[in-house]
Amino acid sequence: MNEKPTEELKQLAPIATTKARIYVDYKGEEANSGSINFSRLIFNVAWVNDKILNVSTMEYGKCVKCLAGSFEGGWRYSQKW
């Protein structure tokens, strides 16, 4: 929460960190959760420390558009770097 990104990461794209702890229960383990959002595709990633536990995708334009709106809300209320 509110971690500062590295300079290398900031060079890739606009970066923001959450002001709240967002996580998922992955097979009984508390894991971090994040998404990479494109116009018609979302990659959802679950990880713990430096280990990726799961990557899933959603490719349906209408659903992606709805979810993108939720992510935009999260972006508005996050710490920008």
Protein backbone atom coordinates (compact mmCIF):
# COMPACT_ATOMS: atom_id res chain seq x y z
CA MET A 1 0.00 0.00 0.00
CA ASN A 2 1.38 3.38 -1.06
CA GLU A 3 4.63 1.75 -2.18
CA LYS A 4 6.86 3.95 -4.30
CA PRO A 5 7.60 2.57 -7.79
CA THR A 6 11.15 2.33 -9.09
CA GLU A 7 12.40 4.86 -11.63
CA GLU A 8 12.61 2.04 -14.18
CA LEU A 9 8.92 1.20 -13.71
CA LYS A 10 7.89 4.84 -13.99
CA GLN A 11 9.58 4.98 -17.41
CA LEU A 12 7.19 2.30 -18.78
CA ALA A 13 3.81 3.96 -18.24
CA PRO A 14 1.82 6.17 -15.87
CA ILE A 15 1.99 4.53 -12.43
CA ALA A 16 -0.32 4.73 -9.44
CA THR A 17 -0.49 2.90 -6.13
CA THR A 18 -3.59 2.12 -4.15
CA LYS A 19 -4.50 3.78 -0.88
CA ALA A 20 -6.27 0.60 0.23
CA ARG A 21 -5.15 -3.03 0.54
CA ILE A 22 -6.57 -5.01 -2.40
CA TYR A 23 -6.06 -8.75 -2.35
CA VAL A 24 -7.61 -12.06 -3.38
CA ASP A 25 -7.85 -15.45 -1.72
CA TYR A 26 -5.94 -17.77 -4.03
CA LYS A 27 -6.33 -21.39 -2.92
CA GLY A 28 -6.40 -20.33 0.71
CA GLU A 29 -3.45 -17.94 0.39
CA GLU A 30 -3.82 -14.17 0.63
CA ALA A 31 -2.37 -12.84 -2.64
CA ASN A 32 -1.94 -9.43 -4.20
CA SER A 33 -4.18 -8.68 -7.16
CA GLY A 34 -3.75 -6.33 -10.07
CA SER A 35 -4.84 -5.83 -13.65
CA ILE A 36 -3.39 -4.68 -16.93
CA ASN A 37 -6.14 -3.08 -18.98
CA PHE A 38 -6.27 -2.73 -22.77
CA SER A 39 -9.26 -1.54 -24.82
CA ARG A 40 -10.73 -5.05 -25.39
CA LEU A 41 -8.64 -7.24 -23.07
CA ILE A 42 -7.83 -7.36 -19.37
CA PHE A 43 -5.11 -9.45 -17.74
CA ASN A 44 -5.71 -10.16 -14.05
CA VAL A 45 -2.63 -11.17 -12.05
CA ALA A 46 -2.42 -12.72 -8.56
CA TRP A 47 0.99 -12.79 -6.87
CA VAL A 48 2.80 -13.15 -3.55
CA ASN A 49 6.23 -11.50 -3.17
CA ASP A 50 8.05 -12.31 -6.44
CA LYS A 51 5.94 -15.37 -7.32
CA ILE A 52 3.07 -15.10 -9.85
CA LEU A 53 0.28 -17.47 -8.78
CA ASN A 54 -2.24 -16.92 -11.55
CA VAL A 55 -2.86 -14.91 -14.72
CA SER A 56 -6.33 -14.80 -16.23
CA THR A 57 -7.79 -12.80 -19.11
CA MET A 58 -11.12 -11.36 -20.15
CA GLU A 59 -11.64 -10.67 -23.83
CA TYR A 60 -15.28 -9.59 -24.12
CA GLY A 61 -15.56 -5.99 -25.25
CA LYS A 62 -18.71 -5.12 -23.30
CA CYS A 63 -17.47 -6.66 -20.03
CA VAL A 64 -14.02 -5.13 -20.47
CA LYS A 65 -15.60 -1.71 -20.96
CA CYS A 66 -17.63 -2.09 -17.73
CA LEU A 67 -14.60 -3.26 -15.77
CA ALA A 68 -12.45 -0.52 -17.25
CA GLY A 69 -14.87 1.97 -15.69
CA SER A 70 -14.26 0.40 -12.29
CA PHE A 71 -10.50 0.59 -12.81
CA GLU A 72 -10.82 4.22 -13.87
CA GLY A 73 -12.52 4.89 -10.53
CA GLY A 74 -9.64 3.21 -8.76
CA TRP A 75 -7.17 5.27 -10.78
CA ARG A 76 -8.88 8.54 -9.76
CA TYR A 77 -8.47 7.73 -6.06
CA SER A 78 -4.92 6.34 -6.22
CA GLN A 79 -1.56 7.92 -5.47
CA LYS A 80 0.02 9.04 -8.78
CA TRP A 81 3.80 8.91 -9.33
